[in-house]
Amino acid sequence: MDQEKIGNFIKEIRKKNNLTQKDLADKYNVTFQAVSKWENGKNMPDISILKEICKDYNKDINELLNDKKIPKKYKSKIIFMIIALLIIVIISLGVINFIKKDAKDNSDNFQFKTIKTTCDNFELSGSIAYDSSKTSIYISNITYCGKDNGTKYKEIECVFYEVDGLTKRQIDSYKYDDGDITLEEFLKKVKFNVDHYSNSCKMYKENALSLEIKATDKENQTTFYSIPLVLEENCK
């Protein structure tokens, strides 16, 4: 999912419809600061809000998430094919059933699930977008809710895992090793945007995903944090 592209899309529809950032924020029950972050590519709306925006402004969410545009030449071919199908429908009513089935199979391909954490010390925003052939995972806005002791670390790494029994497989990671950074400052930098992930959403089990943080201070003392992740509900 291209965060910058989504931000430009939101800004474009807002201006085309003569809306201020506050107007758009009120429409979707968020703050105007949130809208500003969307448009600047600093954050992304929740999948449910993005889906609603696409529906309200007649945008194909599959095209938006796939980062592809349908060429005009291809659109012309689609129009021609539709006309041809309509003629065939007139000749044979049996084709109607085929068209309805085909439309149902190919509409609204993407399904969405929200990712949350059961850890009391952390909060985050996350989602999984998936269809029969592709799974995309997005995690951002990770914040630490525990007691802040102001510790400066020389190196911190956050690893995104998939866990299956005793097997732990790394999906992605983010590492900072320039020194003098607090946990809170580090978390502001962490975002995971995993597109075309090899696993299928249907294969994820409860508590199968997790984040693990390893923070090393100047005295070479290491602190570990584990952030279990859960889906809003299992994929179907």
Protein backbone atom coordinates (compact mmCIF):
# COMPACT_ATOMS: atom_id res chain seq x y z
CA MET A 1 0.00 0.00 0.00
CA ASP A 2 1.58 3.29 -1.19
CA GLN A 3 1.03 5.74 1.68
CA GLU A 4 2.08 8.78 -0.37
CA LYS A 5 -0.26 7.83 -3.22
CA ILE A 6 -3.17 7.45 -0.81
CA GLY A 7 -2.37 10.88 0.68
CA ASN A 8 -2.38 12.49 -2.75
CA PHE A 9 -5.67 10.77 -3.56
CA ILE A 10 -7.32 12.15 -0.41
CA LYS A 11 -6.01 15.66 -1.09
CA GLU A 12 -7.22 15.52 -4.70
CA ILE A 13 -10.79 14.48 -3.89
CA ARG A 14 -10.98 17.02 -1.07
CA LYS A 15 -9.98 19.90 -3.36
CA LYS A 16 -12.18 18.71 -6.24
CA ASN A 17 -15.15 18.76 -3.89
CA ASN A 18 -14.25 22.16 -2.39
CA LEU A 19 -13.77 20.73 1.10
CA THR A 20 -11.46 21.97 3.82
CA GLN A 21 -9.45 19.52 5.88
CA LYS A 22 -11.90 20.16 8.72
CA ASP A 23 -14.87 19.43 6.44
CA LEU A 24 -13.37 16.07 5.48
CA ALA A 25 -12.40 15.35 9.10
CA ASP A 26 -15.95 16.02 10.32
CA LYS A 27 -17.38 13.80 7.57
CA TYR A 28 -15.35 10.81 8.74
CA ASN A 29 -15.31 11.64 12.47
CA VAL A 30 -11.57 12.30 12.78
CA THR A 31 -9.47 15.39 13.58
CA PHE A 32 -8.30 17.79 10.88
CA GLN A 33 -4.73 17.03 12.06
CA ALA A 34 -5.32 13.41 11.07
CA VAL A 35 -6.45 14.52 7.59
CA SER A 36 -3.34 16.69 7.29
CA LYS A 37 -1.09 13.71 8.14
CA TRP A 38 -2.93 11.57 5.56
CA GLU A 39 -2.38 14.15 2.83
CA ASN A 40 1.30 14.61 3.72
CA GLY A 41 1.94 10.88 3.60
CA LYS A 42 2.84 10.77 7.31
CA ASN A 43 0.02 8.43 8.20
CA MET A 44 -2.74 6.43 6.56
CA PRO A 45 -6.44 6.29 7.44
CA ASP A 46 -7.88 3.17 8.97
CA ILE A 47 -8.82 0.67 6.28
CA SER A 48 -12.52 0.99 7.12
CA ILE A 49 -12.34 4.80 6.61
CA LEU A 50 -10.35 4.42 3.39
CA LYS A 51 -12.93 1.98 2.05
CA GLU A 52 -15.71 4.44 2.91
CA ILE A 53 -13.88 7.33 1.19
CA CYS A 54 -13.45 5.25 -1.97
CA LYS A 55 -17.14 4.33 -1.92
CA ASP A 56 -18.25 7.96 -1.40
CA TYR A 57 -16.09 9.31 -4.22
CA ASN A 58 -16.45 6.43 -6.69
CA LYS A 59 -12.85 5.23 -6.49
CA ASP A 60 -11.85 1.60 -7.06
CA ILE A 61 -10.09 0.61 -3.83
CA ASN A 62 -8.50 -2.41 -5.53
CA GLU A 63 -6.82 -0.08 -8.03
CA LEU A 64 -5.73 2.24 -5.21
CA LEU A 65 -4.18 -0.54 -3.10
CA ASN A 66 -2.57 -2.32 -6.05
CA ASP A 67 -0.87 0.91 -7.13
CA LYS A 68 -1.98 0.34 -10.74
CA LYS A 69 -4.09 2.35 -13.13
CA ILE A 70 -6.16 0.83 -15.89
CA PRO A 71 -4.87 2.12 -19.26
CA LYS A 72 -7.37 4.06 -21.37
CA LYS A 73 -6.88 1.62 -24.23
CA TYR A 74 -7.79 -1.24 -21.91
CA LYS A 75 -10.85 0.68 -20.66
CA SER A 76 -12.04 1.03 -24.27
CA LYS A 77 -11.71 -2.70 -24.72
CA ILE A 78 -13.74 -3.25 -21.57
CA ILE A 79 -16.51 -0.98 -22.86
CA PHE A 80 -16.54 -2.84 -26.19
CA MET A 81 -16.73 -6.17 -24.41
CA ILE A 82 -19.64 -4.97 -22.27
CA ILE A 83 -21.57 -3.89 -25.36
CA ALA A 84 -20.88 -7.24 -26.98
CA LEU A 85 -22.08 -9.06 -23.90
CA LEU A 86 -25.29 -7.05 -23.84
CA ILE A 87 -26.02 -8.09 -27.41
CA ILE A 88 -25.40 -11.72 -26.51
CA VAL A 89 -27.73 -11.37 -23.51
CA ILE A 90 -30.52 -10.29 -25.82
CA ILE A 91 -29.94 -13.40 -27.96
CA SER A 92 -29.57 -15.80 -25.07
CA LEU A 93 -30.97 -15.26 -21.58
CA GLY A 94 -28.66 -17.96 -20.35
CA VAL A 95 -25.72 -15.56 -20.59
CA ILE A 96 -27.32 -13.37 -17.90
CA ASN A 97 -26.56 -15.93 -15.21
CA PHE A 98 -22.97 -16.09 -16.33
CA ILE A 99 -22.55 -12.32 -16.19
CA LYS A 100 -24.07 -12.09 -12.71
CA LYS A 101 -21.81 -14.83 -11.41
CA ASP A 102 -18.72 -13.28 -13.00
CA ALA A 103 -19.53 -9.87 -11.57
CA LYS A 104 -20.03 -11.31 -8.11
CA ASP A 105 -16.75 -13.22 -8.23
CA ASN A 106 -14.73 -10.18 -9.28
CA SER A 107 -16.30 -7.32 -7.28
CA ASP A 108 -14.81 -5.99 -4.05
CA ASN A 109 -11.97 -8.52 -4.09
CA PHE A 110 -10.15 -7.11 -1.08
CA GLN A 111 -11.17 -8.01 2.46
CA PHE A 112 -9.87 -6.10 5.47
CA LYS A 113 -9.03 -7.00 9.05
CA THR A 114 -7.79 -4.73 11.81
CA ILE A 115 -4.64 -5.68 13.72
CA LYS A 116 -4.54 -4.89 17.44
CA THR A 117 -2.28 -5.71 20.39
CA THR A 118 -3.19 -7.37 23.67
CA CYS A 119 -0.16 -5.81 25.38
CA ASP A 120 -1.14 -3.14 27.94
CA ASN A 121 2.13 -1.22 27.47
CA PHE A 122 1.80 -0.62 23.74
CA GLU A 123 -0.74 0.74 21.26
CA LEU A 124 -0.59 0.68 17.46
CA SER A 125 -2.55 0.97 14.22
CA GLY A 126 -2.53 -2.02 11.90
CA SER A 127 -4.48 -3.75 9.18
CA ILE A 128 -4.38 -6.67 6.75
CA ALA A 129 -5.80 -6.28 3.24
CA TYR A 130 -6.16 -9.54 1.32
CA ASP A 131 -7.78 -11.34 -1.59
CA SER A 132 -7.33 -14.86 -2.97
CA SER A 133 -3.82 -14.18 -4.26
CA LYS A 134 -2.34 -11.35 -2.23
CA THR A 135 -1.92 -10.29 1.38
CA SER A 136 -0.69 -6.83 2.43
CA ILE A 137 0.16 -5.92 6.03
CA TYR A 138 0.44 -2.36 7.37
CA ILE A 139 1.50 -1.38 10.91
CA SER A 140 2.27 2.13 12.20
CA ASN A 141 1.70 4.60 15.06
CA ILE A 142 3.30 2.34 17.65
CA THR A 143 3.34 4.05 21.06
CA TYR A 144 4.70 2.97 24.43
CA CYS A 145 2.27 3.37 27.34
CA GLY A 146 4.54 2.07 30.09
CA LYS A 147 6.61 4.13 32.49
CA ASP A 148 9.10 6.33 30.62
CA ASN A 149 12.47 6.46 32.36
CA GLY A 150 14.10 8.52 29.60
CA THR A 151 16.73 5.88 28.85
CA LYS A 152 18.87 6.64 25.80
CA TYR A 153 19.74 3.62 23.70
CA LYS A 154 22.63 3.25 21.28
CA GLU A 155 20.83 0.59 19.25
CA ILE A 156 17.21 -0.54 18.94
CA GLU A 157 15.67 -3.08 16.58
CA CYS A 158 11.99 -3.95 16.06
CA VAL A 159 11.33 -7.29 14.33
CA PHE A 160 7.97 -8.32 12.87
CA TYR A 161 7.43 -12.08 13.27
CA GLU A 162 4.97 -14.76 12.29
CA VAL A 163 4.84 -17.53 14.88
CA ASP A 164 3.66 -21.08 14.23
CA GLY A 165 4.08 -23.24 17.31
CA LEU A 166 7.79 -23.27 18.11
CA THR A 167 8.71 -21.87 14.69
CA LYS A 168 9.29 -18.13 14.40
CA ARG A 169 9.64 -16.60 10.93
CA GLN A 170 10.78 -13.00 10.38
CA ILE A 171 8.51 -10.96 8.11
CA ASP A 172 10.27 -7.59 8.31
CA SER A 173 12.43 -5.50 10.64
CA TYR A 174 13.48 -1.92 11.40
CA LYS A 175 16.79 -1.09 13.08
CA TYR A 176 18.28 2.14 14.45
CA ASP A 177 21.95 2.14 15.46
CA ASP A 178 23.01 5.81 15.40
CA GLY A 179 22.83 6.06 19.20
CA ASP A 180 21.15 8.38 21.73
CA ILE A 181 17.50 7.60 21.11
CA THR A 182 14.68 6.83 23.53
CA LEU A 183 12.18 4.04 22.99
CA GLU A 184 9.41 6.59 22.30
CA GLU A 185 11.54 8.40 19.69
CA PHE A 186 12.40 5.11 18.01
CA LEU A 187 8.78 3.95 17.81
CA LYS A 188 7.82 7.13 15.92
CA LYS A 189 10.11 5.95 13.11
CA VAL A 190 8.82 2.37 12.94
CA LYS A 191 6.42 1.47 10.14
CA PHE A 192 5.87 -1.85 8.44
CA ASN A 193 4.33 -1.94 4.96
CA VAL A 194 4.55 -5.51 3.68
CA ASP A 195 3.05 -5.84 0.21
CA HIS A 196 2.47 -9.13 -1.66
CA TYR A 197 3.29 -11.14 1.46
CA SER A 198 3.78 -14.81 0.57
CA ASN A 199 1.39 -16.16 3.19
CA SER A 200 -2.38 -16.03 2.82
CA CYS A 201 -4.46 -14.20 5.39
CA LYS A 202 -6.60 -17.33 5.70
CA MET A 203 -3.58 -19.13 7.14
CA TYR A 204 -3.08 -16.74 10.06
CA LYS A 205 -4.11 -18.17 13.37
CA GLU A 206 -4.92 -16.38 16.60
CA ASN A 207 -1.80 -14.75 18.10
CA ALA A 208 0.26 -15.78 15.04
CA LEU A 209 1.82 -12.33 14.55
CA SER A 210 4.05 -10.40 16.94
CA LEU A 211 6.54 -7.55 17.25
CA GLU A 212 9.68 -7.90 19.34
CA ILE A 213 11.91 -5.00 20.35
CA LYS A 214 15.53 -5.33 21.43
CA ALA A 215 17.01 -2.14 22.95
CA THR A 216 20.70 -1.87 23.96
CA ASP A 217 21.92 1.05 26.09
CA LYS A 218 25.41 2.57 26.35
CA GLU A 219 26.29 0.15 29.14
CA ASN A 220 25.47 -2.76 26.80
CA GLN A 221 22.46 -3.66 28.91
CA THR A 222 19.69 -5.07 26.71
CA THR A 223 15.96 -4.70 27.30
CA PHE A 224 13.43 -6.83 25.43
CA TYR A 225 9.80 -5.98 24.70
CA SER A 226 7.28 -8.40 23.20
CA ILE A 227 4.11 -7.09 21.50
CA PRO A 228 1.64 -9.87 20.61
CA LEU A 229 -0.70 -8.99 17.74
CA VAL A 230 -4.22 -10.23 17.11
CA LEU A 231 -6.65 -9.86 14.22
CA GLU A 232 -10.03 -8.21 14.72
CA GLU A 233 -11.36 -11.62 13.65
CA ASN A 234 -9.90 -14.55 11.75
CA CYS A 235 -9.75 -14.31 7.96
CA LYS A 236 -12.34 -16.33 6.09
